[in-house]
Amino acid sequence: MVFFFKLLIILLSTKLAGDLSVRLKQPAVLGQLVIGIIIGPAMLGWIQDSKIMEELSQIGVLLLMFMAGLETDLKEMNRNRNSSLAVAVGGVILPLLGGYLAGKAMGMEDIPAWFLGLLLSATSVSITVQTLRDLGQLQSRESVTILGAAVVDDILVVVLLAFLMSFAGTGDVSLGMVIGQKVLFFILAIPIGWKLVPWMMKWFASLRVSEAVISAGLIICFGFAYLSEELGVAGIIGAFAAGLAISYTPHKKEVEQKLEPIAYAIFVPIFFVSIGISVSFQGLGEQMGFILGLSVLAVATKWIGSGIGARLTGFNMRSSIGIGAGMISRGEVALIIAAIGLEAGILAPKFYTSIIIVVILTTLITPPLLKKVFGASTEES
C-alpha cells in the first residue's frame, strides 16, 4: 500500500511541477526534475530510492527514447551523419582532455585523471529529447543531429572505457571484444529492423486479441534494448533503434498514439523523479569547490566541443550553440560509468557522491539552455 501512495505523490507532484515550470516559461521537464529533488531524500524525504523505482524508471527512459525513434526521420538522420559524427567527436575530445587536466591539477594519477575525463565525455540525451519535444523541435535538423551524435558518443565512450580499464589492469577486458560487440549489435540491428520488424508488426496485427500492435511495439522495444545491453551498448540506443525501425512500418501512427498515454502518464514521470531522488546533500560542504569547478568544466567543454563540431559542418551560430547545449546532459550513462569506476577502484569513493551531483547539475541546466536557444527560434517563426 505504501508504494501506491508514493506513486500517487510522484504522479501528482510531477504534473503540478511541470505545469508551474511552463507557466514560468521553462520546459515542463525542468519542473519535473526539480520536484524529484524536493520530494526525495535531499529535502522532504517522501520518496526513497528502491529496486522497484529503479526498474520503473528504466522502463520510462526506454519508452522515452523509443518514442523519439518513432518521431525521427531516418533519411534526415542519414543526411546529417557527418554533422553527428563531428558533434560527437568534438563532444568527447574536449571534455576528455579537460577532465584529465583537472584531475592532474588535483594531484590524481594518470589513470584516475583519464577516467575523470571519460566521465565528462559521456552524453545522455533522454532529457534533451523530452525538452525538444516540449518545444516542438524534435523533428528539426538540429534535433536529428543531436540524436545521431548521442549514438556515436555512446560507442566512443564505451570503447575508451574498455581501453582504459584494460590498460589499468582492472580485469580481463579485451578491447577487441568490446569493439566487436558494438559492431555485432549494428550488424544484427540493421537487418532485424529492416526485415524482421515489419514482418513481426504485420503478423501481430493479424492476431485476434486486443491491442496486439502496441504489444508488438513494446516487445520490439524491449527486445532491442536487451540486445544492445547484452552487447555493451546502452539500452536507450537499442530502444531508439527499435522506434526507428517501427517508424517505417504502416503501424507507426497506431503505436505512437497508443503508447504515448502509457509512457507519459506513469513511466516517464517516474524516470524524471528517479534522477532527483539520487541527490543527497550530506557531507558535501568540503566538496563544494570541487562540485562547482567540475560542473563548470563539464558544461563548458561539452557545449564548446560539440558546438564546434556543429559549426564546422555547416550549422549557423545559433544552431551550433543549441546542439552543444543538447549534448550537455550526462544522465544515466555517466552514472553507470561512475559506478564501474568505483567498483574497479579507479574512482576514489570520496569523489563518487560529488560526481553524481555534477551529473545531476548538467541534467538540470540542459532544459533552460535549450529553451533559450530553440524557444526563441520557435517564437520567431
Protein backbone atom coordinates (compact mmCIF):
# COMPACT_ATOMS: atom_id res chain seq x y z
CA MET A 1 0.00 0.00 0.00
CA VAL A 2 2.92 2.35 0.77
CA PHE A 3 4.20 2.02 -2.80
CA PHE A 4 0.87 3.10 -4.27
CA PHE A 5 0.87 6.18 -2.05
CA LYS A 6 4.38 7.02 -3.30
CA LEU A 7 3.17 6.57 -6.86
CA LEU A 8 0.31 8.97 -6.11
CA ILE A 9 2.80 11.58 -4.83
CA ILE A 10 5.07 11.16 -7.86
CA LEU A 11 2.31 11.50 -10.45
CA LEU A 12 0.59 14.43 -8.72
CA SER A 13 3.79 16.36 -7.97
CA THR A 14 5.36 15.92 -11.42
CA LYS A 15 2.23 17.15 -13.21
CA LEU A 16 1.86 20.18 -10.93
CA ALA A 17 5.58 20.98 -11.10
CA GLY A 18 5.57 20.61 -14.88
CA ASP A 19 2.62 22.98 -15.17
CA LEU A 20 4.32 25.54 -12.90
CA SER A 21 7.50 25.29 -14.97
CA VAL A 22 5.60 26.02 -18.19
CA ARG A 23 3.87 28.99 -16.53
CA LEU A 24 7.37 30.29 -15.68
CA LYS A 25 8.25 29.94 -19.38
CA GLN A 26 10.52 26.92 -18.87
CA PRO A 27 10.18 23.37 -20.29
CA ALA A 28 7.93 21.12 -18.21
CA VAL A 29 10.74 18.61 -17.74
CA LEU A 30 12.75 21.12 -15.65
CA GLY A 31 9.98 21.30 -13.03
CA GLN A 32 9.69 17.52 -13.03
CA LEU A 33 13.41 17.13 -12.39
CA VAL A 34 13.45 19.72 -9.61
CA ILE A 35 10.41 18.20 -7.86
CA GLY A 36 12.30 14.90 -7.69
CA ILE A 37 14.96 16.63 -5.58
CA ILE A 38 12.30 18.29 -3.39
CA ILE A 39 10.29 15.13 -2.61
CA GLY A 40 13.41 12.93 -2.45
CA PRO A 41 15.89 12.26 0.39
CA ALA A 42 17.74 15.56 -0.17
CA MET A 43 14.79 17.64 1.12
CA LEU A 44 11.35 16.30 2.17
CA GLY A 45 12.25 12.61 2.11
CA TRP A 46 8.81 11.48 0.93
CA ILE A 47 10.23 9.24 -1.81
CA GLN A 48 13.23 6.96 -1.32
CA ASP A 49 15.19 5.10 -3.95
CA SER A 50 14.24 1.42 -4.24
CA LYS A 51 14.61 -1.50 -6.61
CA ILE A 52 11.09 -1.14 -8.00
CA MET A 53 11.60 2.61 -8.56
CA GLU A 54 14.81 1.84 -10.42
CA GLU A 55 13.11 -0.74 -12.65
CA LEU A 56 10.11 1.51 -13.43
CA SER A 57 12.41 4.45 -14.22
CA GLN A 58 14.36 2.22 -16.63
CA ILE A 59 11.12 1.44 -18.45
CA GLY A 60 10.43 5.19 -18.52
CA VAL A 61 13.72 6.14 -20.17
CA LEU A 62 13.44 3.28 -22.67
CA LEU A 63 9.94 4.37 -23.67
CA LEU A 64 11.11 7.99 -23.93
CA MET A 65 13.87 7.05 -26.39
CA PHE A 66 11.57 4.62 -28.22
CA MET A 67 9.11 7.46 -28.82
CA ALA A 68 11.98 9.63 -30.05
CA GLY A 69 12.90 6.91 -32.56
CA LEU A 70 9.30 6.75 -33.78
CA GLU A 71 9.34 10.50 -34.45
CA THR A 72 12.79 10.64 -36.11
CA ASP A 73 13.23 10.74 -39.88
CA LEU A 74 15.94 8.18 -40.74
CA LYS A 75 16.62 9.80 -44.12
CA GLU A 76 17.20 13.13 -42.42
CA MET A 77 19.49 11.45 -39.88
CA ASN A 78 21.49 9.88 -42.71
CA ARG A 79 21.80 13.28 -44.42
CA ASN A 80 23.25 14.69 -41.20
CA ARG A 81 25.61 11.80 -40.41
CA ASN A 82 28.78 13.88 -40.91
CA SER A 83 27.48 16.57 -38.57
CA SER A 84 26.52 13.96 -35.96
CA LEU A 85 29.99 12.43 -36.15
CA ALA A 86 31.70 15.82 -35.79
CA VAL A 87 29.46 16.82 -32.87
CA ALA A 88 30.14 13.52 -31.08
CA VAL A 89 33.92 13.63 -31.61
CA GLY A 90 34.15 17.28 -30.52
CA GLY A 91 31.97 16.48 -27.51
CA VAL A 92 34.30 13.64 -26.45
CA ILE A 93 37.76 15.10 -27.10
CA LEU A 94 37.39 18.41 -25.25
CA PRO A 95 35.75 17.00 -22.06
CA LEU A 96 38.25 14.10 -22.06
CA LEU A 97 41.24 16.45 -22.17
CA GLY A 98 39.61 18.95 -19.79
CA GLY A 99 38.80 16.27 -17.23
CA TYR A 100 42.30 14.78 -17.47
CA LEU A 101 43.97 18.16 -16.91
CA ALA A 102 41.62 18.93 -14.00
CA GLY A 103 42.41 15.55 -12.43
CA LYS A 104 46.16 16.12 -12.76
CA ALA A 105 45.78 19.59 -11.23
CA MET A 106 44.09 17.92 -8.24
CA GLY A 107 47.00 15.51 -7.85
CA MET A 108 45.44 12.41 -9.41
CA GLU A 109 47.49 9.69 -11.08
CA ASP A 110 47.18 9.31 -14.86
CA ILE A 111 44.55 6.53 -14.90
CA PRO A 112 42.10 8.20 -12.46
CA ALA A 113 42.62 11.54 -14.25
CA TRP A 114 41.79 9.99 -17.64
CA PHE A 115 38.78 8.29 -16.03
CA LEU A 116 37.53 11.67 -14.80
CA GLY A 117 37.84 12.97 -18.36
CA LEU A 118 35.95 9.93 -19.63
CA LEU A 119 33.13 10.61 -17.17
CA LEU A 120 32.80 14.14 -18.54
CA SER A 121 32.76 12.79 -22.12
CA ALA A 122 29.54 10.79 -21.65
CA THR A 123 26.25 12.09 -23.03
CA SER A 124 22.67 11.04 -22.35
CA VAL A 125 20.07 12.84 -24.44
CA SER A 126 16.90 11.50 -22.82
CA ILE A 127 16.27 14.84 -21.07
CA THR A 128 17.19 16.71 -24.27
CA VAL A 129 14.67 14.62 -26.21
CA GLN A 130 11.86 15.50 -23.80
CA THR A 131 12.78 19.20 -23.82
CA LEU A 132 12.89 19.37 -27.62
CA ARG A 133 9.58 17.54 -27.70
CA ASP A 134 8.07 20.15 -25.35
CA LEU A 135 9.39 22.89 -27.66
CA GLY A 136 8.07 21.21 -30.82
CA GLN A 137 11.61 20.82 -32.18
CA LEU A 138 12.05 17.03 -32.07
CA GLN A 139 11.95 16.67 -35.87
CA SER A 140 14.28 19.60 -36.61
CA ARG A 141 17.67 19.13 -38.28
CA GLU A 142 19.38 20.13 -35.04
CA SER A 143 17.47 17.51 -33.06
CA VAL A 144 18.25 14.77 -35.57
CA THR A 145 21.95 15.70 -35.41
CA ILE A 146 21.92 15.52 -31.59
CA LEU A 147 20.29 12.07 -31.63
CA GLY A 148 22.81 10.77 -34.17
CA ALA A 149 25.69 12.26 -32.17
CA ALA A 150 24.42 10.57 -28.99
CA VAL A 151 24.68 7.14 -30.66
CA VAL A 152 28.28 7.83 -31.79
CA ASP A 153 29.17 9.32 -28.39
CA ASP A 154 27.95 6.20 -26.58
CA ILE A 155 30.10 3.95 -28.77
CA LEU A 156 33.22 6.13 -28.42
CA VAL A 157 32.92 6.43 -24.64
CA VAL A 158 32.36 2.71 -24.05
CA VAL A 159 35.29 1.78 -26.30
CA LEU A 160 37.52 4.30 -24.48
CA LEU A 161 36.32 2.92 -21.13
CA ALA A 162 37.27 -0.61 -22.18
CA PHE A 163 40.66 0.63 -23.35
CA LEU A 164 41.29 2.49 -20.08
CA MET A 165 40.25 -0.43 -17.87
CA SER A 166 42.36 -2.92 -19.83
CA PHE A 167 45.33 -0.55 -19.61
CA ALA A 168 44.75 -0.16 -15.86
CA GLY A 169 44.65 -3.93 -15.40
CA THR A 170 41.30 -3.91 -13.58
CA GLY A 171 40.07 -7.14 -15.11
CA ASP A 172 40.03 -9.27 -18.23
CA VAL A 173 38.80 -6.54 -20.55
CA SER A 174 39.53 -7.14 -24.23
CA LEU A 175 39.38 -4.00 -26.37
CA GLY A 176 38.90 -6.13 -29.48
CA MET A 177 35.98 -7.93 -27.85
CA VAL A 178 34.33 -4.64 -26.85
CA ILE A 179 34.63 -3.18 -30.37
CA GLY A 180 33.46 -6.48 -31.84
CA GLN A 181 30.34 -6.43 -29.66
CA LYS A 182 29.47 -2.90 -30.84
CA VAL A 183 29.91 -3.91 -34.47
CA LEU A 184 27.84 -7.05 -33.89
CA PHE A 185 24.97 -5.01 -32.44
CA PHE A 186 24.69 -2.89 -35.59
CA ILE A 187 25.20 -5.93 -37.86
CA LEU A 188 22.21 -7.56 -36.14
CA ALA A 189 20.07 -4.46 -35.57
CA ILE A 190 20.03 -3.24 -39.19
CA PRO A 191 18.65 -6.42 -40.86
CA ILE A 192 16.31 -7.10 -37.91
CA GLY A 193 14.93 -3.57 -38.15
CA TRP A 194 14.71 -3.67 -41.94
CA LYS A 195 13.20 -7.14 -42.46
CA LEU A 196 12.04 -8.79 -39.23
CA VAL A 197 10.34 -5.81 -37.56
CA PRO A 198 7.89 -5.06 -40.45
CA TRP A 199 7.00 -8.77 -40.71
CA MET A 200 6.53 -9.02 -36.95
CA MET A 201 4.29 -5.94 -36.83
CA LYS A 202 2.17 -7.29 -39.70
CA TRP A 203 1.87 -10.72 -38.06
CA PHE A 204 0.85 -9.28 -34.68
CA ALA A 205 -1.73 -7.03 -36.39
CA SER A 206 -3.45 -10.17 -37.72
CA LEU A 207 -3.87 -11.69 -34.24
CA ARG A 208 -7.41 -11.71 -32.88
CA VAL A 209 -6.55 -10.22 -29.50
CA SER A 210 -6.87 -6.71 -28.12
CA GLU A 211 -4.04 -4.19 -28.61
CA ALA A 212 -1.80 -6.65 -30.45
CA VAL A 213 0.02 -3.91 -32.37
CA ILE A 214 1.03 -1.90 -29.29
CA SER A 215 2.16 -5.15 -27.63
CA ALA A 216 4.33 -5.87 -30.68
CA GLY A 217 5.84 -2.40 -30.43
CA LEU A 218 6.75 -2.91 -26.76
CA ILE A 219 8.16 -6.39 -27.44
CA ILE A 220 10.40 -4.94 -30.17
CA CYS A 221 11.41 -2.00 -27.95
CA PHE A 222 12.45 -4.17 -25.01
CA GLY A 223 13.98 -6.78 -27.33
CA PHE A 224 16.26 -4.21 -28.95
CA ALA A 225 17.11 -2.73 -25.53
CA TYR A 226 18.04 -6.19 -24.22
CA LEU A 227 20.17 -6.94 -27.28
CA SER A 228 22.02 -3.63 -27.01
CA GLU A 229 22.67 -4.08 -23.27
CA GLU A 230 23.99 -7.60 -23.82
CA LEU A 231 26.40 -6.30 -26.47
CA GLY A 232 27.66 -3.41 -24.36
CA VAL A 233 25.64 -0.61 -26.00
CA ALA A 234 23.34 1.49 -23.78
CA GLY A 235 19.78 0.19 -23.66
CA ILE A 236 18.46 3.62 -24.68
CA ILE A 237 20.28 3.25 -28.02
CA GLY A 238 18.54 -0.07 -28.62
CA ALA A 239 15.14 1.43 -27.74
CA PHE A 240 15.81 4.35 -30.09
CA ALA A 241 16.75 1.92 -32.89
CA ALA A 242 13.51 -0.02 -32.29
CA GLY A 243 11.50 3.17 -32.67
CA LEU A 244 13.31 3.99 -35.92
CA ALA A 245 12.52 0.51 -37.29
CA ILE A 246 8.80 0.75 -36.48
CA SER A 247 8.60 4.30 -37.88
CA TYR A 248 8.96 2.79 -41.37
CA THR A 249 6.01 0.43 -40.97
CA PRO A 250 2.30 1.23 -41.59
CA HIS A 251 1.71 0.80 -37.85
CA LYS A 252 3.82 3.79 -36.75
CA LYS A 253 0.82 6.07 -36.04
CA GLU A 254 -1.08 3.46 -34.03
CA VAL A 255 1.94 2.60 -31.86
CA GLU A 256 2.72 6.28 -31.30
CA GLN A 257 -0.84 7.30 -30.41
CA LYS A 258 -1.47 4.39 -28.03
CA LEU A 259 1.95 4.25 -26.38
CA GLU A 260 2.22 7.97 -25.60
CA PRO A 261 -0.52 7.96 -22.90
CA ILE A 262 1.03 4.92 -21.22
CA ALA A 263 4.55 6.37 -21.25
CA TYR A 264 3.74 9.92 -20.16
CA ALA A 265 1.06 9.02 -17.61
CA ILE A 266 3.20 6.69 -15.49
CA PHE A 267 6.69 5.63 -16.53
CA VAL A 268 8.32 8.84 -17.81
CA PRO A 269 7.39 10.86 -14.67
CA ILE A 270 8.94 8.13 -12.52
CA PHE A 271 12.13 8.38 -14.58
CA PHE A 272 12.34 12.15 -14.04
CA VAL A 273 11.76 11.80 -10.29
CA SER A 274 14.34 9.00 -10.03
CA ILE A 275 17.03 11.44 -11.17
CA GLY A 276 16.13 13.86 -8.40
CA ILE A 277 15.91 11.29 -5.60
CA SER A 278 19.50 10.19 -6.20
CA VAL A 279 20.65 13.58 -4.88
CA SER A 280 21.95 13.83 -1.33
CA PHE A 281 23.45 16.94 0.27
CA GLN A 282 25.04 15.13 3.23
CA GLY A 283 28.75 15.75 3.70
CA LEU A 284 29.10 17.87 0.58
CA GLY A 285 30.36 21.04 2.31
CA GLU A 286 34.01 20.08 1.89
CA GLN A 287 33.47 19.13 -1.76
CA MET A 288 31.60 22.27 -2.81
CA GLY A 289 34.56 23.79 -4.66
CA PHE A 290 35.18 20.52 -6.50
CA ILE A 291 31.49 20.22 -7.46
CA LEU A 292 31.20 23.79 -8.75
CA GLY A 293 34.51 23.66 -10.64
CA LEU A 294 33.79 20.30 -12.22
CA SER A 295 30.23 21.35 -13.13
CA VAL A 296 31.51 24.44 -14.96
CA LEU A 297 34.13 22.31 -16.72
CA ALA A 298 31.55 19.65 -17.64
CA VAL A 299 29.15 22.19 -19.13
CA ALA A 300 31.77 24.31 -20.92
CA THR A 301 33.80 21.50 -22.52
CA LYS A 302 30.79 19.58 -23.86
CA TRP A 303 28.98 22.72 -25.00
CA ILE A 304 32.03 24.15 -26.79
CA GLY A 305 33.33 20.83 -28.15
CA SER A 306 30.00 19.70 -29.63
CA GLY A 307 29.17 23.24 -30.75
CA ILE A 308 32.44 23.49 -32.70
CA GLY A 309 31.67 20.15 -34.37
CA ALA A 310 28.28 21.51 -35.47
CA ARG A 311 29.75 24.83 -36.65
CA LEU A 312 32.43 23.11 -38.74
CA THR A 313 29.78 21.08 -40.57
CA GLY A 314 27.62 23.95 -41.74
CA PHE A 315 25.31 24.94 -38.89
CA ASN A 316 24.90 28.63 -38.08
CA MET A 317 25.99 30.01 -34.72
CA ARG A 318 22.59 29.73 -33.01
CA SER A 319 22.05 26.13 -34.13
CA SER A 320 25.61 25.20 -33.12
CA ILE A 321 25.03 26.67 -29.65
CA GLY A 322 21.73 24.75 -29.38
CA ILE A 323 23.31 21.46 -30.50
CA GLY A 324 26.14 21.92 -28.00
CA ALA A 325 23.60 22.60 -25.25
CA GLY A 326 21.65 19.49 -26.21
CA MET A 327 24.74 17.32 -25.60
CA ILE A 328 25.50 18.67 -22.10
CA SER A 329 23.35 16.28 -20.03
CA ARG A 330 25.38 13.30 -18.78
CA GLY A 331 22.40 11.41 -17.31
CA GLU A 332 22.35 7.68 -16.67
CA VAL A 333 25.33 6.93 -18.97
CA ALA A 334 27.74 8.85 -16.70
CA LEU A 335 26.14 7.32 -13.60
CA ILE A 336 26.83 3.83 -14.95
CA ILE A 337 30.45 4.72 -15.78
CA ALA A 338 30.93 6.24 -12.31
CA ALA A 339 29.64 3.05 -10.67
CA ILE A 340 32.01 0.93 -12.81
CA GLY A 341 34.96 3.16 -11.85
CA LEU A 342 34.08 2.99 -8.15
CA GLU A 343 33.83 -0.81 -8.23
CA ALA A 344 37.12 -1.12 -10.15
CA GLY A 345 38.93 1.18 -7.72
CA ILE A 346 39.72 3.82 -10.37
CA LEU A 347 37.34 6.41 -8.92
CA ALA A 348 38.04 7.37 -5.29
CA PRO A 349 34.98 6.87 -3.04
CA LYS A 350 35.30 10.44 -1.69
CA PHE A 351 34.58 11.81 -5.17
CA TYR A 352 31.69 9.49 -6.06
CA THR A 353 28.79 11.43 -4.48
CA SER A 354 30.19 14.73 -5.76
CA ILE A 355 30.34 13.40 -9.31
CA ILE A 356 26.73 12.22 -9.02
CA ILE A 357 25.78 15.80 -8.08
CA VAL A 358 27.71 17.12 -11.10
CA VAL A 359 25.81 14.70 -13.35
CA ILE A 360 22.50 15.92 -11.89
CA LEU A 361 23.51 19.58 -12.37
CA THR A 362 24.37 19.00 -16.05
CA THR A 363 20.95 17.40 -16.43
CA LEU A 364 19.17 20.31 -14.73
CA ILE A 365 20.91 23.01 -16.76
CA THR A 366 20.12 21.45 -20.15
CA PRO A 367 16.35 22.27 -20.41
CA PRO A 368 16.65 26.04 -19.75
CA LEU A 369 19.58 26.34 -22.17
CA LEU A 370 17.61 24.57 -24.90
CA LYS A 371 14.59 26.73 -24.13
CA LYS A 372 16.76 29.84 -24.52
CA VAL A 373 18.00 28.78 -27.97
CA PHE A 374 15.20 26.76 -29.56
CA GLY A 375 12.38 28.50 -27.70
CA ALA A 376 13.49 31.80 -29.20
CA SER A 377 13.63 30.35 -32.70
CA THR A 378 10.15 28.88 -32.27
CA GLU A 379 8.74 32.27 -31.22
CA GLU A 380 10.40 33.97 -34.20
CA SER A 381 8.94 31.50 -36.65
